[in-house]
Amino acid sequence: MGRDPKHDYRGRSIYYITIGKSPHCPNFCQISGSPDQPVINKSAVGSIIERQILNFPNLCPALQILQYAIMPDHIHFAIFAREYLQRAIGSYIGMMKVKTGQIIREAFPQISDIFTPDFHDRYLRPTLPFRRAEKPSSTSIPWPNQ
């Protein structure tokens, strides 16, 4: 999906990011339990991904992970750019994907691709309160490009 040409992706904002799994990569986790009480069991690949998600502040101190979810075939995370960034948020996501790939390929040489080439993003408009966007799937937020 294309980025919003009207939005400054270096600006202070909260971004909801989804990155898919490459078909050639093992699942990031397994989900067991019941729909009311699911249990997520991260694979070794999923654990590496989790560490790299939590490493965003080391890539750029202005970035803060607010929440994340590791699913079998994709990841979600909400990342807060607390101040104006030197680079667009996509650059930092790209750095995370590259570093994650390096670590996984070092540990598991048989895995060639980890993520799909692109990612999907939504950003919180500055006029909306954060609480309305904490669970975007259960609220009717007028997201751009929708």
Protein backbone atom coordinates (compact mmCIF):
# COMPACT_ATOMS: atom_id res chain seq x y z
CA MET A 1 0.00 0.00 0.00
CA GLY A 2 1.25 3.47 -0.82
CA ARG A 3 2.04 5.99 1.85
CA ASP A 4 -0.14 9.04 2.45
CA PRO A 5 1.47 11.87 0.44
CA LYS A 6 -0.06 14.46 2.79
CA HIS A 7 1.55 13.04 5.93
CA ASP A 8 5.08 13.80 7.13
CA TYR A 9 6.37 10.39 8.20
CA ARG A 10 9.14 12.07 10.23
CA GLY A 11 6.60 13.91 12.35
CA ARG A 12 5.52 13.25 15.91
CA SER A 13 2.79 10.62 15.69
CA ILE A 14 1.69 7.15 16.73
CA TYR A 15 1.98 4.58 13.96
CA TYR A 16 0.27 1.20 13.79
CA ILE A 17 2.48 -1.12 11.74
CA THR A 18 1.76 -4.57 10.32
CA ILE A 19 4.53 -6.63 8.72
CA GLY A 20 3.78 -9.95 7.05
CA LYS A 21 5.81 -13.15 7.16
CA SER A 22 7.56 -14.41 4.05
CA PRO A 23 6.08 -17.71 2.81
CA HIS A 24 9.60 -19.21 3.15
CA CYS A 25 9.91 -18.45 6.87
CA PRO A 26 8.62 -20.69 9.68
CA ASN A 27 5.72 -19.34 11.72
CA PHE A 28 6.58 -16.68 14.28
CA CYS A 29 4.43 -18.41 16.92
CA GLN A 30 1.75 -20.98 17.58
CA ILE A 31 -1.58 -20.10 19.13
CA SER A 32 -3.20 -22.63 21.45
CA GLY A 33 -5.76 -22.45 24.22
CA SER A 34 -9.28 -21.21 23.63
CA PRO A 35 -10.66 -18.12 21.90
CA ASP A 36 -11.39 -16.68 25.35
CA GLN A 37 -7.91 -17.48 26.68
CA PRO A 38 -5.45 -17.82 23.82
CA VAL A 39 -1.88 -18.83 24.56
CA ILE A 40 0.90 -17.56 22.31
CA ASN A 41 3.99 -19.75 22.11
CA LYS A 42 6.69 -17.86 20.24
CA SER A 43 9.06 -19.81 18.03
CA ALA A 44 12.79 -19.08 18.13
CA VAL A 45 12.23 -16.79 15.13
CA GLY A 46 9.36 -15.05 16.96
CA SER A 47 11.53 -14.49 20.02
CA ILE A 48 14.22 -12.83 17.89
CA ILE A 49 11.57 -10.63 16.28
CA GLU A 50 10.23 -9.65 19.71
CA ARG A 51 13.71 -8.58 20.87
CA GLN A 52 14.16 -6.46 17.76
CA ILE A 53 10.75 -4.80 18.17
CA LEU A 54 11.75 -3.87 21.71
CA ASN A 55 15.10 -2.62 20.38
CA PHE A 56 13.56 0.32 18.46
CA PRO A 57 14.60 2.89 21.12
CA ASN A 58 18.23 1.84 20.52
CA LEU A 59 17.81 2.59 16.80
CA CYS A 60 16.34 5.98 17.63
CA PRO A 61 15.75 7.25 21.20
CA ALA A 62 12.68 9.20 20.04
CA LEU A 63 10.86 5.94 19.23
CA GLN A 64 8.81 4.14 21.86
CA ILE A 65 6.97 0.84 21.42
CA LEU A 66 3.51 1.17 22.99
CA GLN A 67 2.20 -2.31 22.26
CA TYR A 68 2.91 -5.24 19.97
CA ALA A 69 1.53 -8.62 18.96
CA ILE A 70 3.38 -11.47 17.33
CA MET A 71 1.05 -13.66 15.29
CA PRO A 72 1.92 -16.84 13.35
CA ASP A 73 2.23 -15.07 9.99
CA HIS A 74 2.57 -11.37 10.81
CA ILE A 75 3.43 -8.85 13.50
CA HIS A 76 1.65 -5.72 14.70
CA PHE A 77 3.11 -2.92 16.75
CA ALA A 78 2.21 0.59 17.81
CA ILE A 79 5.23 2.86 17.78
CA PHE A 80 5.28 6.43 19.05
CA ALA A 81 7.58 8.97 17.43
CA ARG A 82 7.85 11.28 20.45
CA GLU A 83 9.62 14.01 18.50
CA TYR A 84 10.45 14.93 14.93
CA LEU A 85 12.62 12.15 13.45
CA GLN A 86 15.79 12.57 11.40
CA ARG A 87 14.44 9.99 8.95
CA ALA A 88 10.97 8.82 7.96
CA ILE A 89 9.53 6.12 10.23
CA GLY A 90 9.81 3.65 7.33
CA SER A 91 13.61 3.94 7.45
CA TYR A 92 13.66 2.74 11.06
CA ILE A 93 11.26 -0.09 10.25
CA GLY A 94 13.56 -1.07 7.39
CA MET A 95 16.54 -1.07 9.77
CA MET A 96 14.65 -3.33 12.18
CA LYS A 97 13.74 -5.73 9.37
CA VAL A 98 17.34 -5.90 8.12
CA LYS A 99 18.82 -6.44 11.61
CA THR A 100 16.19 -9.07 12.42
CA GLY A 101 16.98 -10.87 9.16
CA GLN A 102 20.70 -10.83 9.90
CA ILE A 103 20.23 -12.33 13.35
CA ILE A 104 17.78 -14.99 12.15
CA ARG A 105 19.92 -16.01 9.16
CA GLU A 106 22.96 -16.27 11.43
CA ALA A 107 21.06 -18.61 13.76
CA PHE A 108 19.13 -20.44 11.01
CA PRO A 109 21.06 -20.34 7.70
CA GLN A 110 18.32 -22.33 5.94
CA ILE A 111 15.88 -19.38 6.33
CA SER A 112 16.37 -16.96 3.46
CA ASP A 113 13.47 -14.51 3.80
CA ILE A 114 11.74 -13.48 7.01
CA PHE A 115 9.34 -10.69 6.13
CA THR A 116 7.33 -9.61 3.13
CA PRO A 117 9.04 -6.75 1.27
CA ASP A 118 6.74 -3.94 2.44
CA PHE A 119 4.66 -3.14 5.52
CA HIS A 120 1.24 -1.67 6.18
CA ASP A 121 0.85 1.45 8.28
CA ARG A 122 -1.80 3.63 9.83
CA TYR A 123 -1.08 6.73 11.82
CA LEU A 124 -3.01 8.42 14.56
CA ARG A 125 -4.22 11.81 13.50
CA PRO A 126 -3.08 14.49 15.94
CA THR A 127 -6.67 15.58 16.57
CA LEU A 128 -7.74 12.17 17.92
CA PRO A 129 -7.15 11.20 21.53
CA PHE A 130 -4.91 8.17 22.04
CA ARG A 131 -7.57 6.24 23.98
CA ARG A 132 -9.79 6.14 20.88
CA ALA A 133 -7.01 4.46 18.93
CA GLU A 134 -5.75 1.96 21.50
CA LYS A 135 -7.86 -0.76 19.87
CA PRO A 136 -8.31 0.36 16.27
CA SER A 137 -10.18 -2.79 15.25
CA SER A 138 -12.92 -2.09 17.79
CA THR A 139 -13.37 1.62 17.11
CA SER A 140 -14.48 3.57 14.10
CA ILE A 141 -11.52 5.86 13.57
CA PRO A 142 -11.49 7.71 10.25
CA TRP A 143 -8.09 6.41 9.12
CA PRO A 144 -6.53 8.06 6.06
CA ASN A 145 -6.72 6.18 2.73
CA GLN A 146 -9.71 4.19 3.90
